[in-house]
Amino acid sequence: MNDLNALRVFLTLMETGSTSKAGVALGRSQSYISKVLAQLREELDDPCS
């Protein structure tokens, strides 16, 4: 995963508050945003995932 892309997705997700809105803002699908978020959670060993 491209770390800069993941950071961009994460920041947009935090700004918009939803995967759907982040997808629209980035020109990507909601499922793509969810996938990137899941990959981030796995890489960072998120205990909530």
PDB file of N, CA and C in Angstrom:
ATOM      1  N   MET A   1       0.852  -1.178   0.000  1.00  0.00           N
ATOM      2  CA  MET A   1       0.000   0.000   0.000  1.00  0.00           C
ATOM      3  C   MET A   1       0.896   1.239   0.000  1.00  0.00           C
ATOM      4  N   ASN A   2       0.504   2.214  -0.767  1.00  0.00           N
ATOM      5  CA  ASN A   2       1.214   3.484  -0.815  1.00  0.00           C
ATOM      6  C   ASN A   2       0.900   4.268   0.462  1.00  0.00           C
ATOM      7  N   ASP A   3       1.916   4.520   1.269  1.00  0.00           N
ATOM      8  CA  ASP A   3       1.699   5.183   2.557  1.00  0.00           C
ATOM      9  C   ASP A   3       1.116   6.580   2.417  1.00  0.00           C
ATOM     10  N   LEU A   4       1.563   7.320   1.401  1.00  0.00           N
ATOM     11  CA  LEU A   4       1.028   8.669   1.212  1.00  0.00           C
ATOM     12  C   LEU A   4      -0.436   8.625   0.805  1.00  0.00           C
ATOM     13  N   ASN A   5      -0.794   7.666  -0.023  1.00  0.00           N
ATOM     14  CA  ASN A   5      -2.190   7.508  -0.406  1.00  0.00           C
ATOM     15  C   ASN A   5      -3.034   7.131   0.811  1.00  0.00           C
ATOM     16  N   ALA A   6      -2.543   6.219   1.621  1.00  0.00           N
ATOM     17  CA  ALA A   6      -3.283   5.805   2.816  1.00  0.00           C
ATOM     18  C   ALA A   6      -3.463   6.981   3.769  1.00  0.00           C
ATOM     19  N   LEU A   7      -2.434   7.803   3.902  1.00  0.00           N
ATOM     20  CA  LEU A   7      -2.539   8.982   4.759  1.00  0.00           C
ATOM     21  C   LEU A   7      -3.588   9.946   4.217  1.00  0.00           C
ATOM     22  N   ARG A   8      -3.575  10.143   2.917  1.00  0.00           N
ATOM     23  CA  ARG A   8      -4.565  11.025   2.284  1.00  0.00           C
ATOM     24  C   ARG A   8      -5.983  10.505   2.512  1.00  0.00           C
ATOM     25  N   VAL A   9      -6.164   9.200   2.351  1.00  0.00           N
ATOM     26  CA  VAL A   9      -7.472   8.592   2.588  1.00  0.00           C
ATOM     27  C   VAL A   9      -7.878   8.777   4.048  1.00  0.00           C
ATOM     28  N   PHE A  10      -6.956   8.503   4.965  1.00  0.00           N
ATOM     29  CA  PHE A  10      -7.261   8.628   6.388  1.00  0.00           C
ATOM     30  C   PHE A  10      -7.642  10.058   6.763  1.00  0.00           C
ATOM     31  N   LEU A  11      -6.857  11.019   6.300  1.00  0.00           N
ATOM     32  CA  LEU A  11      -7.146  12.419   6.624  1.00  0.00           C
ATOM     33  C   LEU A  11      -8.494  12.859   6.058  1.00  0.00           C
ATOM     34  N   THR A  12      -8.784  12.455   4.839  1.00  0.00           N
ATOM     35  CA  THR A  12     -10.074  12.807   4.229  1.00  0.00           C
ATOM     36  C   THR A  12     -11.216  12.136   4.973  1.00  0.00           C
ATOM     37  N   LEU A  13     -11.010  10.907   5.392  1.00  0.00           N
ATOM     38  CA  LEU A  13     -12.019  10.193   6.171  1.00  0.00           C
ATOM     39  C   LEU A  13     -12.294  10.916   7.491  1.00  0.00           C
ATOM     40  N   MET A  14     -11.258  11.370   8.151  1.00  0.00           N
ATOM     41  CA  MET A  14     -11.440  12.088   9.413  1.00  0.00           C
ATOM     42  C   MET A  14     -12.124  13.443   9.196  1.00  0.00           C
ATOM     43  N   GLU A  15     -11.811  14.092   8.090  1.00  0.00           N
ATOM     44  CA  GLU A  15     -12.429  15.388   7.793  1.00  0.00           C
ATOM     45  C   GLU A  15     -13.905  15.255   7.441  1.00  0.00           C
ATOM     46  N   THR A  16     -14.245  14.224   6.685  1.00  0.00           N
ATOM     47  CA  THR A  16     -15.625  14.071   6.218  1.00  0.00           C
ATOM     48  C   THR A  16     -16.505  13.288   7.178  1.00  0.00           C
ATOM     49  N   GLY A  17     -15.908  12.396   7.937  1.00  0.00           N
ATOM     50  CA  GLY A  17     -16.663  11.625   8.922  1.00  0.00           C
ATOM     51  C   GLY A  17     -17.368  10.395   8.381  1.00  0.00           C
ATOM     52  N   SER A  18     -17.196  10.101   7.096  1.00  0.00           N
ATOM     53  CA  SER A  18     -17.818   8.885   6.566  1.00  0.00           C
ATOM     54  C   SER A  18     -17.037   8.371   5.365  1.00  0.00           C
ATOM     55  N   THR A  19     -17.122   7.063   5.177  1.00  0.00           N
ATOM     56  CA  THR A  19     -16.415   6.464   4.047  1.00  0.00           C
ATOM     57  C   THR A  19     -17.033   6.898   2.724  1.00  0.00           C
ATOM     58  N   SER A  20     -18.338   7.070   2.697  1.00  0.00           N
ATOM     59  CA  SER A  20     -19.003   7.498   1.464  1.00  0.00           C
ATOM     60  C   SER A  20     -18.576   8.899   1.057  1.00  0.00           C
ATOM     61  N   LYS A  21     -18.579   9.822   2.011  1.00  0.00           N
ATOM     62  CA  LYS A  21     -18.186  11.206   1.722  1.00  0.00           C
ATOM     63  C   LYS A  21     -16.704  11.304   1.371  1.00  0.00           C
ATOM     64  N   ALA A  22     -15.887  10.503   2.033  1.00  0.00           N
ATOM     65  CA  ALA A  22     -14.457  10.491   1.714  1.00  0.00           C
ATOM     66  C   ALA A  22     -14.248   9.976   0.301  1.00  0.00           C
ATOM     67  N   GLY A  23     -15.000   8.962  -0.078  1.00  0.00           N
ATOM     68  CA  GLY A  23     -14.908   8.431  -1.430  1.00  0.00           C
ATOM     69  C   GLY A  23     -15.258   9.471  -2.472  1.00  0.00           C
ATOM     70  N   VAL A  24     -16.318  10.212  -2.223  1.00  0.00           N
ATOM     71  CA  VAL A  24     -16.725  11.270  -3.155  1.00  0.00           C
ATOM     72  C   VAL A  24     -15.635  12.341  -3.237  1.00  0.00           C
ATOM     73  N   ALA A  25     -15.119  12.746  -2.085  1.00  0.00           N
ATOM     74  CA  ALA A  25     -14.088  13.788  -2.054  1.00  0.00           C
ATOM     75  C   ALA A  25     -12.820  13.380  -2.796  1.00  0.00           C
ATOM     76  N   LEU A  26     -12.504  12.086  -2.750  1.00  0.00           N
ATOM     77  CA  LEU A  26     -11.282  11.593  -3.383  1.00  0.00           C
ATOM     78  C   LEU A  26     -11.525  11.002  -4.777  1.00  0.00           C
ATOM     79  N   GLY A  27     -12.776  10.955  -5.187  1.00  0.00           N
ATOM     80  CA  GLY A  27     -13.092  10.364  -6.486  1.00  0.00           C
ATOM     81  C   GLY A  27     -12.905   8.860  -6.507  1.00  0.00           C
ATOM     82  N   ARG A  28     -13.118   8.225  -5.366  1.00  0.00           N
ATOM     83  CA  ARG A  28     -12.969   6.766  -5.237  1.00  0.00           C
ATOM     84  C   ARG A  28     -14.272   6.208  -4.681  1.00  0.00           C
ATOM     85  N   SER A  29     -14.407   4.901  -4.713  1.00  0.00           N
ATOM     86  CA  SER A  29     -15.610   4.265  -4.185  1.00  0.00           C
ATOM     87  C   SER A  29     -15.539   4.140  -2.664  1.00  0.00           C
ATOM     88  N   GLN A  30     -16.706   3.967  -2.069  1.00  0.00           N
ATOM     89  CA  GLN A  30     -16.778   3.759  -0.627  1.00  0.00           C
ATOM     90  C   GLN A  30     -16.055   2.479  -0.249  1.00  0.00           C
ATOM     91  N   SER A  31     -16.164   1.464  -1.077  1.00  0.00           N
ATOM     92  CA  SER A  31     -15.513   0.192  -0.765  1.00  0.00           C
ATOM     93  C   SER A  31     -13.983   0.326  -0.808  1.00  0.00           C
ATOM     94  N   TYR A  32     -13.462   1.164  -1.696  1.00  0.00           N
ATOM     95  CA  TYR A  32     -12.020   1.415  -1.742  1.00  0.00           C
ATOM     96  C   TYR A  32     -11.556   2.076  -0.438  1.00  0.00           C
ATOM     97  N   ILE A  33     -12.305   3.053   0.028  1.00  0.00           N
ATOM     98  CA  ILE A  33     -11.966   3.749   1.282  1.00  0.00           C
ATOM     99  C   ILE A  33     -11.977   2.751   2.435  1.00  0.00           C
ATOM    100  N   SER A  34     -12.982   1.901   2.486  1.00  0.00           N
ATOM    101  CA  SER A  34     -13.074   0.887   3.539  1.00  0.00           C
ATOM    102  C   SER A  34     -11.896  -0.083   3.477  1.00  0.00           C
ATOM    103  N   LYS A  35     -11.512  -0.460   2.277  1.00  0.00           N
ATOM    104  CA  LYS A  35     -10.388  -1.378   2.105  1.00  0.00           C
ATOM    105  C   LYS A  35      -9.085  -0.750   2.611  1.00  0.00           C
ATOM    106  N   VAL A  36      -8.840   0.497   2.251  1.00  0.00           N
ATOM    107  CA  VAL A  36      -7.628   1.189   2.708  1.00  0.00           C
ATOM    108  C   VAL A  36      -7.652   1.309   4.233  1.00  0.00           C
ATOM    109  N   LEU A  37      -8.794   1.646   4.795  1.00  0.00           N
ATOM    110  CA  LEU A  37      -8.911   1.748   6.247  1.00  0.00           C
ATOM    111  C   LEU A  37      -8.621   0.405   6.920  1.00  0.00           C
ATOM    112  N   ALA A  38      -9.135  -0.676   6.370  1.00  0.00           N
ATOM    113  CA  ALA A  38      -8.875  -2.008   6.928  1.00  0.00           C
ATOM    114  C   ALA A  38      -7.390  -2.349   6.855  1.00  0.00           C
ATOM    115  N   GLN A  39      -6.740  -1.988   5.756  1.00  0.00           N
ATOM    116  CA  GLN A  39      -5.308  -2.244   5.617  1.00  0.00           C
ATOM    117  C   GLN A  39      -4.508  -1.429   6.640  1.00  0.00           C
ATOM    118  N   LEU A  40      -4.907  -0.186   6.853  1.00  0.00           N
ATOM    119  CA  LEU A  40      -4.236   0.641   7.859  1.00  0.00           C
ATOM    120  C   LEU A  40      -4.385   0.035   9.251  1.00  0.00           C
ATOM    121  N   ARG A  41      -5.595  -0.399   9.567  1.00  0.00           N
ATOM    122  CA  ARG A  41      -5.850  -0.984  10.884  1.00  0.00           C
ATOM    123  C   ARG A  41      -4.999  -2.229  11.094  1.00  0.00           C
ATOM    124  N   GLU A  42      -4.866  -3.027  10.052  1.00  0.00           N
ATOM    125  CA  GLU A  42      -4.059  -4.242  10.153  1.00  0.00           C
ATOM    126  C   GLU A  42      -2.580  -3.898  10.322  1.00  0.00           C
ATOM    127  N   GLU A  43      -2.090  -2.966   9.524  1.00  0.00           N
ATOM    128  CA  GLU A  43      -0.675  -2.578   9.605  1.00  0.00           C
ATOM    129  C   GLU A  43      -0.316  -1.981  10.954  1.00  0.00           C
ATOM    130  N   LEU A  44      -1.270  -1.271  11.551  1.00  0.00           N
ATOM    131  CA  LEU A  44      -1.006  -0.589  12.818  1.00  0.00           C
ATOM    132  C   LEU A  44      -1.450  -1.403  14.027  1.00  0.00           C
ATOM    133  N   ASP A  45      -1.861  -2.643  13.788  1.00  0.00           N
ATOM    134  CA  ASP A  45      -2.324  -3.533  14.867  1.00  0.00           C
ATOM    135  C   ASP A  45      -3.400  -2.876  15.735  1.00  0.00           C
ATOM    136  N   ASP A  46      -4.394  -2.330  15.085  1.00  0.00           N
ATOM    137  CA  ASP A  46      -5.509  -1.673  15.783  1.00  0.00           C
ATOM    138  C   ASP A  46      -6.268  -2.703  16.611  1.00  0.00           C
ATOM    139  N   PRO A  47      -6.341  -2.523  17.923  1.00  0.00           N
ATOM    140  CA  PRO A  47      -7.034  -3.504  18.769  1.00  0.00           C
ATOM    141  C   PRO A  47      -8.555  -3.476  18.583  1.00  0.00           C
ATOM    142  N   CYS A  48      -9.077  -2.436  17.946  1.00  0.00           N
ATOM    143  CA  CYS A  48     -10.527  -2.331  17.736  1.00  0.00           C
ATOM    144  C   CYS A  48     -10.989  -2.995  16.454  1.00  0.00           C
ATOM    145  N   SER A  49     -10.041  -3.472  15.654  1.00  0.00           N
ATOM    146  CA  SER A  49     -10.455  -4.059  14.367  1.00  0.00           C
ATOM    147  C   SER A  49     -10.738  -5.534  14.495  1.00  0.00           C
TER     148      SER A  49
END
